[in-house]
N, C-alpha and C. Protein backbone atom coordinates (compact mmCIF):
# COMPACT_ATOMS: atom_id res chain seq x y z
N MET A 1 140.48 111.07 116.93
CA MET A 1 139.26 110.63 117.62
C MET A 1 138.28 111.80 117.76
N PHE A 2 138.83 112.98 118.09
CA PHE A 2 137.96 114.15 118.23
C PHE A 2 137.27 114.49 116.92
N SER A 3 138.02 114.39 115.79
CA SER A 3 137.43 114.71 114.49
C SER A 3 136.35 113.70 114.11
N GLN A 4 136.55 112.42 114.47
CA GLN A 4 135.54 111.41 114.17
C GLN A 4 134.26 111.64 114.97
N VAL A 5 134.41 112.02 116.25
CA VAL A 5 133.25 112.31 117.09
C VAL A 5 132.48 113.51 116.52
N LYS A 6 133.21 114.53 116.12
CA LYS A 6 132.57 115.71 115.55
C LYS A 6 131.86 115.37 114.24
N GLU A 7 132.52 114.54 113.43
CA GLU A 7 131.91 114.12 112.15
C GLU A 7 130.63 113.33 112.39
N ASN A 8 130.64 112.42 113.37
CA ASN A 8 129.45 111.62 113.69
C ASN A 8 128.30 112.52 114.16
N GLN A 9 128.63 113.54 114.97
CA GLN A 9 127.59 114.46 115.43
C GLN A 9 126.97 115.23 114.26
N GLU A 10 127.82 115.66 113.32
CA GLU A 10 127.30 116.38 112.15
C GLU A 10 126.39 115.48 111.32
N ILE A 11 126.81 114.24 111.13
CA ILE A 11 125.99 113.30 110.34
C ILE A 11 124.65 113.08 111.02
N ASN A 12 124.66 112.85 112.34
CA ASN A 12 123.41 112.63 113.07
C ASN A 12 122.48 113.84 112.96
N GLN A 13 123.03 115.05 113.09
CA GLN A 13 122.21 116.25 113.00
C GLN A 13 121.59 116.41 111.61
N ILE A 14 122.39 116.12 110.56
CA ILE A 14 121.88 116.26 109.19
C ILE A 14 120.77 115.24 108.94
N ILE A 15 121.01 113.98 109.35
CA ILE A 15 120.01 112.93 109.11
C ILE A 15 118.71 113.24 109.86
N GLU A 16 118.82 113.64 111.15
CA GLU A 16 117.62 113.95 111.93
C GLU A 16 116.85 115.11 111.32
N LYS A 17 117.55 116.13 110.84
CA LYS A 17 116.88 117.29 110.26
C LYS A 17 116.16 116.92 108.98
N GLU A 18 116.82 116.14 108.10
CA GLU A 18 116.21 115.78 106.83
C GLU A 18 115.04 114.82 107.03
N VAL A 19 115.17 113.87 107.95
CA VAL A 19 114.11 112.88 108.17
C VAL A 19 112.91 113.52 108.86
N GLU A 20 113.15 114.46 109.82
CA GLU A 20 112.04 115.13 110.51
C GLU A 20 111.19 115.94 109.54
N ALA A 21 111.78 116.37 108.42
CA ALA A 21 111.02 117.13 107.43
C ALA A 21 110.00 116.26 106.70
N ILE A 22 110.14 114.93 106.82
CA ILE A 22 109.21 114.00 106.17
C ILE A 22 108.20 113.55 107.23
N ASN A 23 106.92 113.67 106.94
CA ASN A 23 105.88 113.36 107.92
C ASN A 23 105.89 111.88 108.29
N ASP A 24 105.68 111.58 109.58
CA ASP A 24 105.54 110.22 110.11
C ASP A 24 106.72 109.33 109.72
N THR A 25 107.94 109.84 109.86
CA THR A 25 109.15 109.07 109.55
C THR A 25 110.14 109.20 110.69
N ASP A 26 110.68 108.06 111.19
CA ASP A 26 111.61 108.04 112.31
C ASP A 26 112.85 107.24 111.92
N VAL A 27 114.01 107.65 112.47
CA VAL A 27 115.26 106.91 112.26
C VAL A 27 115.35 105.80 113.29
N ILE A 28 115.54 104.55 112.82
CA ILE A 28 115.66 103.39 113.71
C ILE A 28 117.12 103.08 114.01
N GLU A 29 117.95 103.06 112.98
CA GLU A 29 119.35 102.66 113.15
C GLU A 29 120.19 103.31 112.06
N MET A 30 121.47 103.59 112.37
CA MET A 30 122.39 104.15 111.39
C MET A 30 123.76 103.50 111.57
N ILE A 31 124.29 102.95 110.49
CA ILE A 31 125.60 102.29 110.50
C ILE A 31 126.54 103.07 109.58
N LYS A 32 127.73 103.42 110.09
CA LYS A 32 128.69 104.22 109.34
C LYS A 32 129.99 103.46 109.20
N SER A 33 130.56 103.53 108.01
CA SER A 33 131.89 102.95 107.76
C SER A 33 132.63 103.86 106.80
N ARG A 34 133.97 103.85 106.90
CA ARG A 34 134.79 104.72 106.05
C ARG A 34 135.69 103.87 105.16
N THR A 35 135.78 104.26 103.89
CA THR A 35 136.66 103.60 102.93
C THR A 35 137.55 104.66 102.28
N GLU A 36 138.42 104.22 101.38
CA GLU A 36 139.29 105.17 100.69
C GLU A 36 138.50 106.11 99.78
N SER A 37 137.34 105.64 99.30
CA SER A 37 136.53 106.46 98.39
C SER A 37 135.59 107.42 99.11
N GLY A 38 135.45 107.30 100.44
CA GLY A 38 134.56 108.20 101.16
C GLY A 38 133.87 107.50 102.33
N ILE A 39 132.67 107.99 102.70
CA ILE A 39 131.92 107.47 103.83
C ILE A 39 130.74 106.66 103.31
N ASN A 40 130.54 105.47 103.89
CA ASN A 40 129.39 104.63 103.58
C ASN A 40 128.40 104.70 104.73
N LEU A 41 127.15 105.04 104.41
CA LEU A 41 126.09 105.14 105.43
C LEU A 41 124.95 104.19 105.07
N GLU A 42 124.50 103.44 106.08
CA GLU A 42 123.32 102.59 105.93
C GLU A 42 122.33 102.99 107.02
N ILE A 43 121.18 103.52 106.62
CA ILE A 43 120.20 104.07 107.56
C ILE A 43 118.91 103.25 107.45
N SER A 44 118.35 102.90 108.60
CA SER A 44 117.05 102.22 108.66
C SER A 44 116.03 103.20 109.24
N ILE A 45 114.90 103.37 108.54
CA ILE A 45 113.86 104.28 108.99
C ILE A 45 112.52 103.55 109.04
N ARG A 46 111.60 104.09 109.87
CA ARG A 46 110.23 103.57 109.95
C ARG A 46 109.30 104.65 109.42
N THR A 47 108.44 104.29 108.45
CA THR A 47 107.59 105.27 107.80
C THR A 47 106.27 104.61 107.40
N ASN A 48 105.21 105.43 107.27
CA ASN A 48 103.93 104.91 106.78
C ASN A 48 103.69 105.28 105.33
N ARG A 49 104.70 105.88 104.69
CA ARG A 49 104.65 106.17 103.26
C ARG A 49 106.09 106.15 102.74
N LEU A 50 106.39 105.23 101.82
CA LEU A 50 107.75 105.03 101.35
C LEU A 50 108.30 106.29 100.71
N LEU A 51 109.61 106.54 100.95
CA LEU A 51 110.27 107.70 100.39
C LEU A 51 110.37 107.56 98.87
N THR A 52 110.25 108.68 98.18
CA THR A 52 110.43 108.69 96.74
C THR A 52 111.93 108.77 96.42
N HIS A 53 112.25 108.54 95.16
CA HIS A 53 113.65 108.61 94.73
C HIS A 53 114.22 110.01 94.96
N SER A 54 113.43 111.04 94.67
CA SER A 54 113.92 112.41 94.83
C SER A 54 114.19 112.74 96.30
N GLN A 55 113.38 112.19 97.25
CA GLN A 55 113.62 112.44 98.67
C GLN A 55 114.93 111.79 99.13
N VAL A 56 115.21 110.57 98.67
CA VAL A 56 116.45 109.90 99.04
C VAL A 56 117.66 110.65 98.49
N VAL A 57 117.56 111.09 97.23
CA VAL A 57 118.67 111.85 96.63
C VAL A 57 118.87 113.17 97.38
N GLY A 58 117.78 113.80 97.83
CA GLY A 58 117.91 115.05 98.58
C GLY A 58 118.67 114.87 99.89
N ILE A 59 118.44 113.75 100.60
CA ILE A 59 119.18 113.47 101.84
C ILE A 59 120.67 113.27 101.53
N GLN A 60 120.97 112.55 100.46
CA GLN A 60 122.37 112.31 100.09
C GLN A 60 123.06 113.62 99.71
N GLN A 61 122.39 114.49 98.96
CA GLN A 61 122.99 115.76 98.56
C GLN A 61 123.24 116.66 99.77
N ALA A 62 122.33 116.65 100.75
CA ALA A 62 122.54 117.46 101.96
C ALA A 62 123.78 117.00 102.72
N LEU A 63 124.02 115.69 102.79
CA LEU A 63 125.20 115.16 103.47
C LEU A 63 126.47 115.56 102.74
N VAL A 64 126.47 115.44 101.39
CA VAL A 64 127.66 115.75 100.61
C VAL A 64 128.01 117.22 100.73
N GLN A 65 127.00 118.11 100.67
CA GLN A 65 127.27 119.55 100.71
C GLN A 65 127.82 120.00 102.07
N LYS A 66 127.30 119.42 103.17
CA LYS A 66 127.71 119.89 104.48
C LYS A 66 128.99 119.21 104.97
N LEU A 67 129.24 117.96 104.56
CA LEU A 67 130.45 117.26 104.97
C LEU A 67 131.60 117.47 103.99
N GLU A 68 131.27 117.90 102.73
CA GLU A 68 132.27 118.18 101.70
C GLU A 68 133.16 116.98 101.42
N GLN A 69 132.54 115.80 101.26
CA GLN A 69 133.24 114.57 100.89
C GLN A 69 132.25 113.58 100.32
N PRO A 70 132.74 112.59 99.55
CA PRO A 70 131.83 111.62 98.92
C PRO A 70 131.06 110.81 99.96
N ILE A 71 129.76 110.60 99.69
CA ILE A 71 128.89 109.85 100.59
C ILE A 71 128.16 108.77 99.78
N SER A 72 128.28 107.52 100.23
CA SER A 72 127.49 106.43 99.67
C SER A 72 126.36 106.13 100.66
N LEU A 73 125.09 106.19 100.18
CA LEU A 73 123.94 106.12 101.08
C LEU A 73 123.02 104.96 100.69
N VAL A 74 122.65 104.15 101.70
CA VAL A 74 121.64 103.10 101.55
C VAL A 74 120.59 103.32 102.62
N ILE A 75 119.30 103.40 102.22
CA ILE A 75 118.20 103.62 103.16
C ILE A 75 117.29 102.40 103.15
N ASN A 76 117.18 101.73 104.29
CA ASN A 76 116.26 100.62 104.48
C ASN A 76 114.97 101.16 105.08
N GLN A 77 113.85 100.95 104.39
CA GLN A 77 112.58 101.51 104.82
C GLN A 77 111.68 100.42 105.40
N VAL A 78 111.26 100.61 106.64
CA VAL A 78 110.34 99.68 107.31
C VAL A 78 108.96 100.32 107.28
N PHE A 79 108.04 99.70 106.55
CA PHE A 79 106.69 100.27 106.40
C PHE A 79 105.85 99.96 107.64
N ALA A 80 105.27 101.00 108.25
CA ALA A 80 104.41 100.84 109.43
C ALA A 80 103.16 101.68 109.21
N ASP A 81 102.01 101.02 109.14
CA ASP A 81 100.75 101.73 108.90
C ASP A 81 100.17 102.19 110.24
N ARG A 82 99.91 103.47 110.37
CA ARG A 82 99.38 104.05 111.60
C ARG A 82 97.89 104.28 111.43
N LEU A 83 97.06 103.60 112.25
CA LEU A 83 95.61 103.66 112.14
C LEU A 83 95.02 104.74 113.05
N ASP A 84 93.90 105.33 112.62
CA ASP A 84 93.19 106.31 113.44
C ASP A 84 92.44 105.59 114.56
N PRO A 85 92.12 106.29 115.67
CA PRO A 85 91.35 105.66 116.76
C PRO A 85 90.00 105.15 116.26
N LEU A 86 89.59 103.99 116.78
CA LEU A 86 88.33 103.38 116.38
C LEU A 86 87.28 103.66 117.45
N ASN A 87 86.17 104.30 117.06
CA ASN A 87 85.11 104.64 117.99
C ASN A 87 84.06 103.53 118.02
N PRO A 88 83.41 103.31 119.19
CA PRO A 88 82.35 102.28 119.26
C PRO A 88 81.15 102.71 118.44
N PRO A 89 80.31 101.74 118.02
CA PRO A 89 79.14 102.10 117.21
C PRO A 89 78.12 102.90 118.01
N THR A 90 77.37 103.74 117.31
CA THR A 90 76.34 104.57 117.94
C THR A 90 75.08 103.75 118.16
N PRO A 91 74.51 103.75 119.40
CA PRO A 91 73.31 102.94 119.65
C PRO A 91 72.13 103.43 118.82
N THR A 92 71.28 102.48 118.41
CA THR A 92 70.10 102.78 117.62
C THR A 92 68.85 102.55 118.47
N PHE A 93 68.00 103.57 118.59
CA PHE A 93 66.78 103.48 119.39
C PHE A 93 65.62 102.95 118.55
N THR A 94 64.83 102.03 119.12
CA THR A 94 63.72 101.39 118.43
C THR A 94 62.39 101.86 119.02
N ASN A 95 61.46 102.21 118.16
CA ASN A 95 60.14 102.66 118.60
C ASN A 95 59.30 101.44 118.98
N THR A 96 58.92 101.34 120.28
CA THR A 96 58.13 100.20 120.77
C THR A 96 56.67 100.57 121.03
N LEU A 97 56.23 101.72 120.56
CA LEU A 97 54.88 102.18 120.83
C LEU A 97 53.86 101.66 119.81
N GLY A 98 54.30 100.82 118.90
CA GLY A 98 53.38 100.28 117.91
C GLY A 98 53.55 100.96 116.57
N PRO A 99 52.90 100.45 115.53
CA PRO A 99 53.06 101.01 114.18
C PRO A 99 52.44 102.39 114.07
N SER A 100 53.04 103.19 113.23
CA SER A 100 52.52 104.53 112.99
C SER A 100 51.33 104.46 112.06
N PRO A 101 50.32 105.33 112.25
CA PRO A 101 49.15 105.32 111.35
C PRO A 101 49.56 105.65 109.93
N THR A 102 48.93 104.99 108.99
CA THR A 102 49.25 105.20 107.58
C THR A 102 47.98 105.58 106.85
N ALA A 103 48.12 106.32 105.76
CA ALA A 103 47.00 106.73 104.91
C ALA A 103 47.20 106.15 103.53
N THR A 104 46.14 105.57 102.96
CA THR A 104 46.21 104.95 101.65
C THR A 104 45.29 105.69 100.70
N TYR A 105 45.84 106.11 99.55
CA TYR A 105 45.08 106.82 98.53
C TYR A 105 45.07 105.96 97.27
N THR A 106 43.90 105.84 96.67
CA THR A 106 43.74 105.03 95.46
C THR A 106 43.24 105.91 94.34
N ALA A 107 43.97 105.93 93.24
CA ALA A 107 43.56 106.70 92.06
C ALA A 107 43.49 105.77 90.88
N THR A 108 42.40 105.86 90.11
CA THR A 108 42.20 104.98 88.95
C THR A 108 41.99 105.84 87.71
N PHE A 109 42.75 105.52 86.66
CA PHE A 109 42.63 106.25 85.40
C PHE A 109 42.84 105.25 84.27
N THR A 110 41.95 105.21 83.36
CA THR A 110 42.03 104.26 82.24
C THR A 110 42.00 105.04 80.95
N ALA A 111 42.98 104.81 80.10
CA ALA A 111 43.04 105.46 78.79
C ALA A 111 43.35 104.40 77.76
N THR A 112 42.60 104.40 76.68
CA THR A 112 42.78 103.40 75.63
C THR A 112 43.01 104.11 74.31
N ALA A 113 44.09 103.78 73.67
CA ALA A 113 44.39 104.37 72.37
C ALA A 113 44.88 103.26 71.46
N THR A 114 44.34 103.22 70.25
CA THR A 114 44.70 102.17 69.30
C THR A 114 45.21 102.82 68.02
N HIS A 115 46.41 102.41 67.62
CA HIS A 115 46.98 102.93 66.39
C HIS A 115 47.83 101.84 65.78
N THR A 116 47.58 101.53 64.53
CA THR A 116 48.32 100.46 63.86
C THR A 116 49.03 101.03 62.64
N ALA A 117 50.32 100.80 62.56
CA ALA A 117 51.10 101.26 61.41
C ALA A 117 51.93 100.10 60.93
N THR A 118 51.88 99.85 59.64
CA THR A 118 52.62 98.73 59.06
C THR A 118 53.67 99.27 58.10
N SER A 119 54.91 98.92 58.35
CA SER A 119 56.01 99.36 57.48
C SER A 119 57.08 98.30 57.51
N THR A 120 57.51 97.89 56.37
CA THR A 120 58.54 96.85 56.29
C THR A 120 59.76 97.43 55.57
N LYS A 121 60.89 97.43 56.27
CA LYS A 121 62.13 97.95 55.69
C LYS A 121 63.30 97.30 56.39
N THR A 122 64.22 96.77 55.63
CA THR A 122 65.38 96.07 56.20
C THR A 122 66.62 96.93 56.00
N ILE A 123 67.29 97.21 57.10
CA ILE A 123 68.52 98.02 57.06
C ILE A 123 69.66 97.17 57.59
N THR A 124 70.71 97.07 56.83
CA THR A 124 71.89 96.31 57.25
C THR A 124 73.00 97.27 57.61
N VAL A 125 73.49 97.17 58.83
CA VAL A 125 74.56 98.05 59.33
C VAL A 125 75.81 97.23 59.52
N THR A 126 76.89 97.64 58.88
CA THR A 126 78.17 96.95 59.01
C THR A 126 79.05 97.75 59.95
N PRO A 127 79.39 97.20 61.13
CA PRO A 127 80.22 97.97 62.09
C PRO A 127 81.61 98.20 61.54
N LEU A 128 82.13 99.39 61.83
CA LEU A 128 83.49 99.74 61.44
C LEU A 128 84.49 99.08 62.40
N PRO A 129 85.61 98.67 61.86
CA PRO A 129 86.62 98.07 62.76
C PRO A 129 87.15 99.10 63.74
N THR A 130 87.38 98.70 64.97
CA THR A 130 87.91 99.58 66.02
C THR A 130 89.19 98.99 66.58
N ASN A 131 90.05 99.86 66.97
CA ASN A 131 91.33 99.44 67.58
C ASN A 131 91.16 99.43 69.09
N THR A 132 91.13 98.27 69.67
CA THR A 132 90.99 98.13 71.12
C THR A 132 92.37 97.99 71.76
N PRO A 133 92.74 98.91 72.64
CA PRO A 133 94.07 98.80 73.26
C PRO A 133 94.17 97.54 74.12
N GLN A 134 95.29 96.88 74.02
CA GLN A 134 95.53 95.66 74.77
C GLN A 134 96.47 95.95 75.95
N PRO A 135 96.20 95.33 77.11
CA PRO A 135 97.12 95.54 78.25
C PRO A 135 98.53 95.05 77.91
N ALA A 136 99.53 95.72 78.47
CA ALA A 136 100.93 95.33 78.25
C ALA A 136 101.46 94.63 79.50
N SER A 137 102.48 93.82 79.30
CA SER A 137 103.14 93.14 80.42
C SER A 137 104.40 93.90 80.80
N ALA A 138 104.69 93.96 82.10
CA ALA A 138 105.90 94.62 82.60
C ALA A 138 106.39 93.85 83.81
N LYS A 139 107.69 93.99 84.11
CA LYS A 139 108.25 93.34 85.28
C LYS A 139 108.86 94.36 86.21
N VAL A 140 108.91 94.04 87.49
CA VAL A 140 109.47 94.91 88.52
C VAL A 140 110.99 94.85 88.43
N ILE A 141 111.63 96.03 88.27
CA ILE A 141 113.08 96.07 88.09
C ILE A 141 113.76 96.37 89.42
N PRO A 142 114.94 95.78 89.67
CA PRO A 142 115.66 96.05 90.92
C PRO A 142 116.38 97.40 90.88
N THR A 143 116.44 98.11 92.02
CA THR A 143 117.19 99.35 92.15
C THR A 143 117.98 99.31 93.45
N GLN A 144 118.97 100.22 93.56
CA GLN A 144 119.77 100.32 94.78
C GLN A 144 119.16 101.26 95.79
N ILE A 145 118.11 102.00 95.40
CA ILE A 145 117.50 102.97 96.30
C ILE A 145 116.44 102.31 97.16
N VAL A 146 115.53 101.53 96.54
CA VAL A 146 114.42 100.91 97.27
C VAL A 146 114.64 99.41 97.30
N PRO A 147 114.81 98.77 98.48
CA PRO A 147 115.12 97.34 98.54
C PRO A 147 113.93 96.46 98.19
N PHE A 148 112.69 96.92 98.40
CA PHE A 148 111.53 96.12 98.05
C PHE A 148 110.38 97.06 97.68
N TYR A 149 109.35 96.50 97.06
CA TYR A 149 108.28 97.29 96.48
C TYR A 149 106.93 96.82 97.01
N TYR A 150 105.94 97.70 96.88
CA TYR A 150 104.59 97.36 97.33
C TYR A 150 103.59 97.67 96.23
N LEU A 151 102.46 96.96 96.26
CA LEU A 151 101.32 97.26 95.41
C LEU A 151 100.34 98.07 96.26
N TYR A 152 99.97 99.29 95.79
CA TYR A 152 99.14 100.21 96.56
C TYR A 152 97.70 100.20 96.02
N GLN A 153 96.75 100.43 96.94
CA GLN A 153 95.34 100.51 96.54
C GLN A 153 95.09 101.72 95.64
N GLU A 154 95.84 102.80 95.85
CA GLU A 154 95.79 104.00 95.04
C GLU A 154 97.14 104.69 95.19
N PRO A 155 97.50 105.66 94.31
CA PRO A 155 98.79 106.33 94.44
C PRO A 155 98.99 106.91 95.84
N GLY A 156 100.03 106.41 96.55
CA GLY A 156 100.32 106.86 97.89
C GLY A 156 99.35 106.37 98.94
N GLY A 157 98.45 105.43 98.60
CA GLY A 157 97.43 104.96 99.52
C GLY A 157 97.86 103.73 100.30
N PRO A 158 96.88 102.96 100.84
CA PRO A 158 97.20 101.77 101.63
C PRO A 158 97.88 100.69 100.78
N VAL A 159 98.72 99.89 101.45
CA VAL A 159 99.45 98.81 100.77
C VAL A 159 98.55 97.59 100.63
N ILE A 160 98.52 97.00 99.42
CA ILE A 160 97.74 95.78 99.17
C ILE A 160 98.61 94.54 99.35
N SER A 161 99.82 94.54 98.77
CA SER A 161 100.71 93.39 98.88
C SER A 161 102.13 93.83 98.56
N GLN A 162 103.11 92.99 98.92
CA GLN A 162 104.51 93.25 98.60
C GLN A 162 104.87 92.55 97.30
N LEU A 163 105.63 93.25 96.45
CA LEU A 163 106.02 92.70 95.15
C LEU A 163 107.46 92.19 95.19
N LYS A 164 107.77 91.28 94.27
CA LYS A 164 109.11 90.72 94.17
C LYS A 164 109.81 91.29 92.94
N THR A 165 111.17 91.31 92.99
CA THR A 165 111.94 91.74 91.84
C THR A 165 111.70 90.78 90.67
N ASN A 166 111.56 91.34 89.46
CA ASN A 166 111.31 90.59 88.22
C ASN A 166 109.91 89.96 88.19
N GLN A 167 109.03 90.34 89.12
CA GLN A 167 107.65 89.84 89.08
C GLN A 167 106.93 90.46 87.90
N ILE A 168 106.17 89.63 87.15
CA ILE A 168 105.46 90.10 85.97
C ILE A 168 104.10 90.67 86.38
N LEU A 169 103.78 91.88 85.88
CA LEU A 169 102.51 92.55 86.14
C LEU A 169 101.85 92.91 84.81
N ILE A 170 100.52 93.00 84.81
CA ILE A 170 99.78 93.47 83.64
C ILE A 170 99.50 94.96 83.83
N VAL A 171 100.02 95.78 82.92
CA VAL A 171 99.84 97.23 83.00
C VAL A 171 98.52 97.60 82.32
N LEU A 172 97.62 98.24 83.08
CA LEU A 172 96.31 98.64 82.56
C LEU A 172 96.39 100.05 81.96
N TYR A 173 95.27 100.75 81.86
CA TYR A 173 95.23 101.97 81.06
C TYR A 173 95.26 103.25 81.88
N ASN A 174 95.06 103.18 83.19
CA ASN A 174 94.96 104.39 84.00
C ASN A 174 96.34 104.84 84.49
N LYS A 175 96.58 106.16 84.46
CA LYS A 175 97.81 106.76 84.96
C LYS A 175 97.46 108.01 85.76
N GLU A 176 98.26 108.29 86.81
CA GLU A 176 98.08 109.50 87.62
C GLU A 176 99.45 110.03 88.05
N ASN A 177 99.53 111.36 88.21
CA ASN A 177 100.74 112.00 88.74
C ASN A 177 100.55 112.24 90.23
N PHE A 178 101.52 111.76 91.06
CA PHE A 178 101.42 111.92 92.51
C PHE A 178 102.83 112.07 93.08
N GLN A 179 103.06 113.21 93.78
CA GLN A 179 104.36 113.50 94.41
C GLN A 179 105.50 113.43 93.41
N GLY A 180 105.28 113.98 92.21
CA GLY A 180 106.34 114.06 91.23
C GLY A 180 106.60 112.77 90.47
N LEU A 181 105.80 111.72 90.67
CA LEU A 181 105.98 110.45 89.99
C LEU A 181 104.73 110.11 89.19
N VAL A 182 104.93 109.39 88.08
CA VAL A 182 103.81 108.87 87.29
C VAL A 182 103.48 107.48 87.80
N TRP A 183 102.25 107.30 88.30
CA TRP A 183 101.78 106.01 88.81
C TRP A 183 100.90 105.35 87.75
N VAL A 184 101.00 104.02 87.61
CA VAL A 184 100.19 103.27 86.65
C VAL A 184 99.38 102.20 87.39
N GLU A 185 98.19 101.90 86.85
CA GLU A 185 97.37 100.83 87.42
C GLU A 185 97.79 99.50 86.83
N VAL A 186 97.99 98.49 87.68
CA VAL A 186 98.46 97.18 87.24
C VAL A 186 97.61 96.08 87.89
N MET A 187 97.80 94.85 87.39
CA MET A 187 97.16 93.67 87.97
C MET A 187 98.22 92.58 88.12
N ASP A 188 98.31 91.95 89.34
CA ASP A 188 99.30 90.91 89.55
C ASP A 188 98.74 89.56 89.13
N GLU A 189 99.57 88.49 89.32
CA GLU A 189 99.17 87.16 88.86
C GLU A 189 98.00 86.59 89.65
N ASP A 190 97.70 87.17 90.83
CA ASP A 190 96.55 86.72 91.62
C ASP A 190 95.27 87.49 91.30
N GLY A 191 95.33 88.40 90.31
CA GLY A 191 94.15 89.17 89.92
C GLY A 191 93.91 90.41 90.75
N ARG A 192 94.88 90.79 91.65
CA ARG A 192 94.70 91.99 92.46
C ARG A 192 95.01 93.24 91.63
N LEU A 193 94.16 94.26 91.72
CA LEU A 193 94.36 95.53 91.03
C LEU A 193 94.98 96.51 92.00
N GLY A 194 95.99 97.26 91.53
CA GLY A 194 96.65 98.24 92.39
C GLY A 194 97.46 99.22 91.56
N TRP A 195 98.29 100.02 92.26
CA TRP A 195 99.08 101.08 91.62
C TRP A 195 100.53 100.96 92.05
N ILE A 196 101.47 101.38 91.16
CA ILE A 196 102.90 101.37 91.44
C ILE A 196 103.55 102.45 90.58
N PRO A 197 104.63 103.14 91.08
CA PRO A 197 105.31 104.12 90.24
C PRO A 197 105.85 103.47 88.96
N GLU A 198 105.68 104.18 87.84
CA GLU A 198 106.06 103.62 86.54
C GLU A 198 107.58 103.42 86.42
N ILE A 199 108.39 104.19 87.20
CA ILE A 199 109.85 104.08 87.08
C ILE A 199 110.37 102.74 87.60
N TYR A 200 109.56 102.01 88.38
CA TYR A 200 109.99 100.72 88.90
C TYR A 200 109.59 99.56 87.98
N LEU A 201 109.07 99.86 86.78
CA LEU A 201 108.63 98.82 85.87
C LEU A 201 109.44 98.87 84.57
N SER A 202 109.64 97.71 83.97
CA SER A 202 110.29 97.59 82.67
C SER A 202 109.37 96.77 81.77
N GLU A 203 109.02 97.33 80.60
CA GLU A 203 108.08 96.65 79.72
C GLU A 203 108.68 95.37 79.17
N VAL A 204 107.86 94.32 79.15
CA VAL A 204 108.29 93.03 78.62
C VAL A 204 107.86 92.96 77.17
N THR A 205 108.85 92.78 76.25
CA THR A 205 108.55 92.70 74.81
C THR A 205 108.18 91.28 74.44
N PRO A 206 106.98 91.05 73.88
CA PRO A 206 106.59 89.67 73.53
C PRO A 206 107.47 89.11 72.43
N THR A 207 107.75 87.80 72.48
CA THR A 207 108.56 87.14 71.47
C THR A 207 107.73 86.90 70.22
N PRO A 208 108.18 87.41 69.05
CA PRO A 208 107.37 87.24 67.83
C PRO A 208 107.32 85.78 67.42
N THR A 209 106.18 85.35 66.87
CA THR A 209 106.01 83.99 66.37
C THR A 209 105.73 84.02 64.89
N ALA A 210 106.17 83.00 64.18
CA ALA A 210 106.01 82.90 62.73
C ALA A 210 105.05 81.79 62.40
N THR A 211 104.10 82.04 61.50
CA THR A 211 103.12 81.05 61.07
C THR A 211 103.36 80.71 59.61
N ILE A 212 103.51 79.42 59.28
CA ILE A 212 103.77 78.97 57.91
C ILE A 212 102.51 78.29 57.40
N ASN A 213 101.96 78.80 56.30
CA ASN A 213 100.76 78.22 55.69
C ASN A 213 101.16 77.30 54.57
N ASN A 214 100.64 76.04 54.61
CA ASN A 214 100.94 75.08 53.54
C ASN A 214 100.08 75.40 52.30
């Protein structure tokens, strides 16, 4: 019993230290169970920016190194957006003393020039064919690290909507690197434009069709 109490204290200290290193993230609940293969941990946290895969792996590695035994880790993330204080509008003062005097200046200038040139020539321009990139389709893939996904207004920005596993998205042309991940711009079935890490998407290969000409 003493060893279990000591082990629980070590786990709590490690989790609190690792989570406090992440801005605006709090531990809500932690469930621990032991099996023959090691310790199973399920942690629920509240955050305004979802943890990346590398951050979750870093917490698991810290537990394994300090406890010196196998650790199975599941992190449930509860997204909570924290808003800045809202200030009242600034009053606008209106001038009631009447209209301000105005000055009007009139300038007249007339110039006439006549020039006639007649030339007839027909030029035919044939445009060159261009390769226009077409958007690709991709679906949201399930992982054991992140239980659900969001569509963001920009990489790491405000959340637009929650996505479902195997949901089909249209991958557009813009990409950005943010916090060690490659983010891509996508469009969902409702026409909303947003961003999602590329590692959570799997490209959908279109089924080839055959055309027979008589």
